[in-house]
PDB file of N, CA and C in Angstrom:
ATOM      1  N   MET A   1       0.856  -1.195   0.021  1.00  0.00           N
ATOM      2  CA  MET A   1      -0.023  -0.027  -0.071  1.00  0.00           C
ATOM      3  C   MET A   1       0.906   1.238   0.013  1.00  0.00           C
ATOM      4  N   ALA A   2       0.682   2.087  -0.901  1.00  0.00           N
ATOM      5  CA  ALA A   2       1.519   3.285  -1.078  1.00  0.00           C
ATOM      6  C   ALA A   2       0.884   4.477  -0.314  1.00  0.00           C
ATOM      7  N   TYR A   3       1.701   5.280   0.282  1.00  0.00           N
ATOM      8  CA  TYR A   3       1.373   6.511   0.969  1.00  0.00           C
ATOM      9  C   TYR A   3       1.238   7.555   0.015  1.00  0.00           C
ATOM     10  N   SER A   4       0.056   8.326   0.020  1.00  0.00           N
ATOM     11  CA  SER A   4      -0.144   9.299  -1.046  1.00  0.00           C
ATOM     12  C   SER A   4       0.515  10.646  -0.538  1.00  0.00           C
ATOM     13  N   GLY A   5       0.612  10.910   0.704  1.00  0.00           N
ATOM     14  CA  GLY A   5       1.288  12.106   1.271  1.00  0.00           C
ATOM     15  C   GLY A   5       0.198  13.180   1.381  1.00  0.00           C
ATOM     16  N   SER A   6      -0.929  13.104   1.017  1.00  0.00           N
ATOM     17  CA  SER A   6      -1.865  14.136   1.265  1.00  0.00           C
ATOM     18  C   SER A   6      -2.293  14.142   2.662  1.00  0.00           C
ATOM     19  N   ALA A   7      -2.564  15.420   3.109  1.00  0.00           N
ATOM     20  CA  ALA A   7      -2.993  15.661   4.565  1.00  0.00           C
ATOM     21  C   ALA A   7      -4.392  16.028   4.650  1.00  0.00           C
ATOM     22  N   GLY A   8      -5.184  15.337   3.883  1.00  0.00           N
ATOM     23  CA  GLY A   8      -6.602  15.567   3.854  1.00  0.00           C
ATOM     24  C   GLY A   8      -7.261  15.120   5.228  1.00  0.00           C
ATOM     25  N   ARG A   9      -8.498  15.668   5.376  1.00  0.00           N
ATOM     26  CA  ARG A   9      -9.251  15.288   6.554  1.00  0.00           C
ATOM     27  C   ARG A   9      -9.862  13.901   6.442  1.00  0.00           C
ATOM     28  N   ARG A  10      -9.831  13.090   7.406  1.00  0.00           N
ATOM     29  CA  ARG A  10     -10.329  11.775   7.340  1.00  0.00           C
ATOM     30  C   ARG A  10     -11.919  11.934   7.757  1.00  0.00           C
ATOM     31  N   ARG A  11     -12.700  10.962   7.132  1.00  0.00           N
ATOM     32  CA  ARG A  11     -14.024  10.923   7.424  1.00  0.00           C
ATOM     33  C   ARG A  11     -14.294  10.352   8.799  1.00  0.00           C
ATOM     34  N   HIS A  12     -15.206  11.007   9.599  1.00  0.00           N
ATOM     35  CA  HIS A  12     -15.425  10.525  10.902  1.00  0.00           C
ATOM     36  C   HIS A  12     -16.736   9.538  10.920  1.00  0.00           C
ATOM     37  N   LEU A  13     -16.525   8.375  11.348  1.00  0.00           N
ATOM     38  CA  LEU A  13     -17.570   7.308  11.347  1.00  0.00           C
ATOM     39  C   LEU A  13     -18.473   7.507  12.596  1.00  0.00           C
ATOM     40  N   PRO A  14     -19.874   7.506  12.488  1.00  0.00           N
ATOM     41  CA  PRO A  14     -20.651   7.693  13.660  1.00  0.00           C
ATOM     42  C   PRO A  14     -20.449   6.532  14.663  1.00  0.00           C
ATOM     43  N   SER A  15     -20.079   5.418  14.310  1.00  0.00           N
ATOM     44  CA  SER A  15     -19.909   4.341  15.287  1.00  0.00           C
ATOM     45  C   SER A  15     -18.484   4.406  15.973  1.00  0.00           C
ATOM     46  N   SER A  16     -17.606   5.312  15.580  1.00  0.00           N
ATOM     47  CA  SER A  16     -16.371   5.468  16.097  1.00  0.00           C
ATOM     48  C   SER A  16     -16.377   5.844  17.615  1.00  0.00           C
ATOM     49  N   PRO A  17     -15.500   5.182  18.554  1.00  0.00           N
ATOM     50  CA  PRO A  17     -15.537   5.638  19.945  1.00  0.00           C
ATOM     51  C   PRO A  17     -14.681   6.993  20.071  1.00  0.00           C
ATOM     52  N   PHE A  18     -14.127   7.359  19.069  1.00  0.00           N
ATOM     53  CA  PHE A  18     -13.144   8.604  19.251  1.00  0.00           C
ATOM     54  C   PHE A  18     -13.914   9.890  18.763  1.00  0.00           C
ATOM     55  N   LYS A  19     -13.689  10.959  19.267  1.00  0.00           N
ATOM     56  CA  LYS A  19     -14.304  12.188  18.889  1.00  0.00           C
ATOM     57  C   LYS A  19     -13.844  12.656  17.488  1.00  0.00           C
ATOM     58  N   PRO A  20     -14.528  13.335  16.717  1.00  0.00           N
ATOM     59  CA  PRO A  20     -14.039  13.796  15.412  1.00  0.00           C
ATOM     60  C   PRO A  20     -12.977  14.929  15.667  1.00  0.00           C
ATOM     61  N   ALA A  21     -11.996  15.054  14.672  1.00  0.00           N
ATOM     62  CA  ALA A  21     -11.010  16.098  14.848  1.00  0.00           C
ATOM     63  C   ALA A  21     -11.574  17.462  14.915  1.00  0.00           C
ATOM     64  N   PRO A  22     -11.224  18.451  15.703  1.00  0.00           N
ATOM     65  CA  PRO A  22     -11.717  19.729  15.682  1.00  0.00           C
ATOM     66  C   PRO A  22     -11.466  20.433  14.326  1.00  0.00           C
ATOM     67  N   GLU A  23     -12.349  21.405  13.976  1.00  0.00           N
ATOM     68  CA  GLU A  23     -12.128  22.203  12.798  1.00  0.00           C
ATOM     69  C   GLU A  23     -11.065  23.021  12.907  1.00  0.00           C
ATOM     70  N   PRO A  24     -10.326  23.220  11.904  1.00  0.00           N
ATOM     71  CA  PRO A  24      -9.203  24.311  11.938  1.00  0.00           C
ATOM     72  C   PRO A  24      -9.814  25.653  12.173  1.00  0.00           C
ATOM     73  N   PRO A  25      -9.138  26.592  12.951  1.00  0.00           N
ATOM     74  CA  PRO A  25      -9.632  27.848  13.126  1.00  0.00           C
ATOM     75  C   PRO A  25      -9.634  28.619  11.858  1.00  0.00           C
ATOM     76  N   ALA A  26     -10.488  29.572  11.644  1.00  0.00           N
ATOM     77  CA  ALA A  26     -10.718  30.320  10.580  1.00  0.00           C
ATOM     78  C   ALA A  26      -9.636  31.384  10.594  1.00  0.00           C
ATOM     79  N   ALA A  27      -9.060  31.684   9.354  1.00  0.00           N
ATOM     80  CA  ALA A  27      -7.926  32.760   9.231  1.00  0.00           C
ATOM     81  C   ALA A  27      -8.530  34.070   9.644  1.00  0.00           C
ATOM     82  N   GLU A  28      -7.777  35.005  10.297  1.00  0.00           N
ATOM     83  CA  GLU A  28      -8.211  36.274  10.645  1.00  0.00           C
ATOM     84  C   GLU A  28      -8.416  37.029   9.336  1.00  0.00           C
ATOM     85  N   ARG A  29      -9.432  37.993   9.481  1.00  0.00           N
ATOM     86  CA  ARG A  29      -9.745  38.782   8.328  1.00  0.00           C
ATOM     87  C   ARG A  29      -9.243  40.095   8.596  1.00  0.00           C
ATOM     88  N   TYR A  30      -8.411  40.738   7.596  1.00  0.00           N
ATOM     89  CA  TYR A  30      -7.870  41.967   7.761  1.00  0.00           C
ATOM     90  C   TYR A  30      -8.567  43.017   6.711  1.00  0.00           C
ATOM     91  N   GLU A  31      -8.549  44.334   7.109  1.00  0.00           N
ATOM     92  CA  GLU A  31      -9.164  45.340   6.327  1.00  0.00           C
ATOM     93  C   GLU A  31      -8.084  46.400   6.123  1.00  0.00           C
ATOM     94  N   LEU A  32      -8.287  47.311   5.098  1.00  0.00           N
ATOM     95  CA  LEU A  32      -7.307  48.314   4.852  1.00  0.00           C
ATOM     96  C   LEU A  32      -7.191  49.253   6.155  1.00  0.00           C
ATOM     97  N   ASP A  33      -6.071  49.704   6.371  1.00  0.00           N
ATOM     98  CA  ASP A  33      -5.685  50.613   7.570  1.00  0.00           C
ATOM     99  C   ASP A  33      -5.782  49.861   8.876  1.00  0.00           C
ATOM    100  N   ASP A  34      -5.915  48.518   8.963  1.00  0.00           N
ATOM    101  CA  ASP A  34      -5.735  47.823  10.264  1.00  0.00           C
ATOM    102  C   ASP A  34      -4.400  47.913  10.772  1.00  0.00           C
ATOM    103  N   LEU A  35      -4.330  48.299  12.076  1.00  0.00           N
ATOM    104  CA  LEU A  35      -3.004  48.222  12.804  1.00  0.00           C
ATOM    105  C   LEU A  35      -2.672  46.839  13.174  1.00  0.00           C
ATOM    106  N   VAL A  36      -1.552  46.333  12.737  1.00  0.00           N
ATOM    107  CA  VAL A  36      -1.172  44.883  13.115  1.00  0.00           C
ATOM    108  C   VAL A  36       0.296  44.982  13.673  1.00  0.00           C
ATOM    109  N   THR A  37       0.699  43.840  14.353  1.00  0.00           N
ATOM    110  CA  THR A  37       1.990  43.611  14.797  1.00  0.00           C
ATOM    111  C   THR A  37       2.433  42.194  14.374  1.00  0.00           C
ATOM    112  N   HIS A  38       3.796  42.111  13.877  1.00  0.00           N
ATOM    113  CA  HIS A  38       4.402  40.915  13.506  1.00  0.00           C
ATOM    114  C   HIS A  38       5.472  40.550  14.289  1.00  0.00           C
ATOM    115  N   ASP A  39       5.740  39.242  14.639  1.00  0.00           N
ATOM    116  CA  ASP A  39       6.844  38.841  15.420  1.00  0.00           C
ATOM    117  C   ASP A  39       8.207  39.250  14.962  1.00  0.00           C
ATOM    118  N   LYS A  40       8.332  39.353  13.579  1.00  0.00           N
ATOM    119  CA  LYS A  40       9.687  39.756  13.061  1.00  0.00           C
ATOM    120  C   LYS A  40       9.754  41.180  12.660  1.00  0.00           C
ATOM    121  N   TYR A  41       8.739  41.674  12.082  1.00  0.00           N
ATOM    122  CA  TYR A  41       8.829  43.069  11.562  1.00  0.00           C
ATOM    123  C   TYR A  41       8.333  44.224  12.451  1.00  0.00           C
ATOM    124  N   GLY A  42       7.534  43.853  13.597  1.00  0.00           N
ATOM    125  CA  GLY A  42       7.073  44.918  14.520  1.00  0.00           C
ATOM    126  C   GLY A  42       5.740  45.355  13.983  1.00  0.00           C
ATOM    127  N   LEU A  43       5.515  46.633  14.310  1.00  0.00           N
ATOM    128  CA  LEU A  43       4.241  47.432  14.186  1.00  0.00           C
ATOM    129  C   LEU A  43       4.088  47.782  12.682  1.00  0.00           C
ATOM    130  N   GLY A  44       2.847  47.590  12.239  1.00  0.00           N
ATOM    131  CA  GLY A  44       2.566  48.106  10.746  1.00  0.00           C
ATOM    132  C   GLY A  44       1.259  48.285  10.410  1.00  0.00           C
ATOM    133  N   ARG A  45       0.897  48.735   9.336  1.00  0.00           N
ATOM    134  CA  ARG A  45      -0.534  49.032   8.840  1.00  0.00           C
ATOM    135  C   ARG A  45      -0.714  48.310   7.540  1.00  0.00           C
ATOM    136  N   VAL A  46      -1.963  47.763   7.514  1.00  0.00           N
ATOM    137  CA  VAL A  46      -2.370  46.917   6.249  1.00  0.00           C
ATOM    138  C   VAL A  46      -2.713  48.002   5.098  1.00  0.00           C
ATOM    139  N   ILE A  47      -1.898  47.831   4.069  1.00  0.00           N
ATOM    140  CA  ILE A  47      -2.237  48.755   2.897  1.00  0.00           C
ATOM    141  C   ILE A  47      -2.802  48.151   1.760  1.00  0.00           C
ATOM    142  N   LEU A  48      -2.945  46.700   1.729  1.00  0.00           N
ATOM    143  CA  LEU A  48      -3.617  46.082   0.580  1.00  0.00           C
ATOM    144  C   LEU A  48      -4.052  44.677   1.037  1.00  0.00           C
ATOM    145  N   VAL A  49      -5.207  44.423   0.653  1.00  0.00           N
ATOM    146  CA  VAL A  49      -5.880  43.009   1.167  1.00  0.00           C
ATOM    147  C   VAL A  49      -6.059  42.260  -0.127  1.00  0.00           C
ATOM    148  N   GLU A  50      -5.483  40.992  -0.356  1.00  0.00           N
ATOM    149  CA  GLU A  50      -5.758  40.203  -1.487  1.00  0.00           C
ATOM    150  C   GLU A  50      -6.656  39.133  -1.218  1.00  0.00           C
ATOM    151  N   GLY A  51      -7.979  39.392  -0.946  1.00  0.00           N
ATOM    152  CA  GLY A  51      -8.970  38.382  -0.790  1.00  0.00           C
ATOM    153  C   GLY A  51      -8.617  37.745   0.598  1.00  0.00           C
ATOM    154  N   ASP A  52      -8.663  36.399   0.635  1.00  0.00           N
ATOM    155  CA  ASP A  52      -8.429  35.527   1.866  1.00  0.00           C
ATOM    156  C   ASP A  52      -7.019  34.942   1.583  1.00  0.00           C
ATOM    157  N   THR A  53      -6.257  35.401   0.747  1.00  0.00           N
ATOM    158  CA  THR A  53      -4.952  34.718   0.394  1.00  0.00           C
ATOM    159  C   THR A  53      -3.783  35.464   0.999  1.00  0.00           C
ATOM    160  N   ALA A  54      -3.796  36.802   0.905  1.00  0.00           N
ATOM    161  CA  ALA A  54      -2.612  37.553   1.471  1.00  0.00           C
ATOM    162  C   ALA A  54      -2.906  39.041   1.860  1.00  0.00           C
ATOM    163  N   VAL A  55      -2.009  39.628   2.578  1.00  0.00           N
ATOM    164  CA  VAL A  55      -2.200  41.066   2.949  1.00  0.00           C
ATOM    165  C   VAL A  55      -0.779  41.731   2.687  1.00  0.00           C
ATOM    166  N   VAL A  56      -0.773  42.924   2.306  1.00  0.00           N
ATOM    167  CA  VAL A  56       0.525  43.736   2.213  1.00  0.00           C
ATOM    168  C   VAL A  56       0.503  44.672   3.376  1.00  0.00           C
ATOM    169  N   VAL A  57       1.646  44.687   4.163  1.00  0.00           N
ATOM    170  CA  VAL A  57       1.684  45.425   5.379  1.00  0.00           C
ATOM    171  C   VAL A  57       2.814  46.361   5.199  1.00  0.00           C
ATOM    172  N   ASP A  58       2.539  47.657   5.633  1.00  0.00           N
ATOM    173  CA  ASP A  58       3.644  48.675   5.591  1.00  0.00           C
ATOM    174  C   ASP A  58       4.318  48.760   7.000  1.00  0.00           C
ATOM    175  N   PHE A  59       5.450  48.254   7.029  1.00  0.00           N
ATOM    176  CA  PHE A  59       6.308  48.211   8.256  1.00  0.00           C
ATOM    177  C   PHE A  59       7.440  49.372   8.099  1.00  0.00           C
ATOM    178  N   ALA A  60       7.097  50.457   8.460  1.00  0.00           N
ATOM    179  CA  ALA A  60       7.942  51.752   8.282  1.00  0.00           C
ATOM    180  C   ALA A  60       8.904  51.683   7.043  1.00  0.00           C
ATOM    181  N   PRO A  61      10.147  51.095   7.311  1.00  0.00           N
ATOM    182  CA  PRO A  61      10.955  51.179   6.128  1.00  0.00           C
ATOM    183  C   PRO A  61      10.661  50.027   5.072  1.00  0.00           C
ATOM    184  N   ARG A  62       9.907  49.049   5.173  1.00  0.00           N
ATOM    185  CA  ARG A  62       9.590  48.180   4.163  1.00  0.00           C
ATOM    186  C   ARG A  62       8.078  47.659   4.022  1.00  0.00           C
ATOM    187  N   LYS A  63       7.795  47.288   2.829  1.00  0.00           N
ATOM    188  CA  LYS A  63       6.457  46.668   2.716  1.00  0.00           C
ATOM    189  C   LYS A  63       6.606  45.235   2.525  1.00  0.00           C
ATOM    190  N   VAL A  64       5.770  44.318   3.124  1.00  0.00           N
ATOM    191  CA  VAL A  64       5.902  42.933   3.195  1.00  0.00           C
ATOM    192  C   VAL A  64       4.625  42.368   2.880  1.00  0.00           C
ATOM    193  N   ARG A  65       4.579  41.373   2.007  1.00  0.00           N
ATOM    194  CA  ARG A  65       3.332  40.568   1.605  1.00  0.00           C
ATOM    195  C   ARG A  65       3.324  39.328   2.493  1.00  0.00           C
ATOM    196  N   ILE A  66       2.239  39.125   3.241  1.00  0.00           N
ATOM    197  CA  ILE A  66       2.075  38.059   4.119  1.00  0.00           C
ATOM    198  C   ILE A  66       1.064  37.124   3.701  1.00  0.00           C
ATOM    199  N   MET A  67       1.295  35.868   3.492  1.00  0.00           N
ATOM    200  CA  MET A  67       0.394  34.932   3.066  1.00  0.00           C
ATOM    201  C   MET A  67      -0.499  34.316   4.241  1.00  0.00           C
ATOM    202  N   THR A  68      -1.708  33.873   3.925  1.00  0.00           N
ATOM    203  CA  THR A  68      -2.560  33.122   4.791  1.00  0.00           C
ATOM    204  C   THR A  68      -1.716  31.916   5.316  1.00  0.00           C
ATOM    205  N   PRO A  69      -1.774  31.489   6.507  1.00  0.00           N
ATOM    206  CA  PRO A  69      -2.702  31.682   7.589  1.00  0.00           C
ATOM    207  C   PRO A  69      -2.311  32.830   8.528  1.00  0.00           C
ATOM    208  N   PHE A  70      -1.394  33.687   8.122  1.00  0.00           N
ATOM    209  CA  PHE A  70      -0.935  34.870   8.945  1.00  0.00           C
ATOM    210  C   PHE A  70      -0.580  34.403  10.410  1.00  0.00           C
ATOM    211  N   ALA A  71       0.266  33.371  10.507  1.00  0.00           N
ATOM    212  CA  ALA A  71       0.681  32.743  11.709  1.00  0.00           C
ATOM    213  C   ALA A  71       1.310  33.774  12.647  1.00  0.00           C
ATOM    214  N   ARG A  72       2.152  34.635  12.174  1.00  0.00           N
ATOM    215  CA  ARG A  72       2.939  35.520  13.123  1.00  0.00           C
ATOM    216  C   ARG A  72       2.351  36.957  13.176  1.00  0.00           C
ATOM    217  N   LEU A  73       1.217  37.158  12.572  1.00  0.00           N
ATOM    218  CA  LEU A  73       0.490  38.396  12.492  1.00  0.00           C
ATOM    219  C   LEU A  73      -0.532  38.566  13.341  1.00  0.00           C
ATOM    220  N   THR A  74      -0.601  39.678  14.094  1.00  0.00           N
ATOM    221  CA  THR A  74      -1.821  39.745  15.033  1.00  0.00           C
ATOM    222  C   THR A  74      -2.410  41.195  14.981  1.00  0.00           C
ATOM    223  N   LYS A  75      -3.687  41.257  14.822  1.00  0.00           N
ATOM    224  CA  LYS A  75      -4.449  42.540  14.727  1.00  0.00           C
ATOM    225  C   LYS A  75      -4.437  43.226  16.053  1.00  0.00           C
ATOM    226  N   LEU A  76      -4.312  44.556  15.990  1.00  0.00           N
ATOM    227  CA  LEU A  76      -4.324  45.334  17.353  1.00  0.00           C
ATOM    228  C   LEU A  76      -5.712  45.974  17.507  1.00  0.00           C
TER     229      LEU A  76
END
């Protein structure tokens, strides 16, 4: 049996004695001019929102594009 390597969610059987896996948390939603902080870059302001996939943040000397799931980005 070959391992496909995909990390998809498994189907939960109603007769299983185990609880289903919890749903992953929804990605935070950002809007223009939101103040944010980043673990590496510090304080910044959102200047562009690319749907649910990425945001561009102005961190004083540089602008950084950050992709979903925004792991190190926090809205203030």
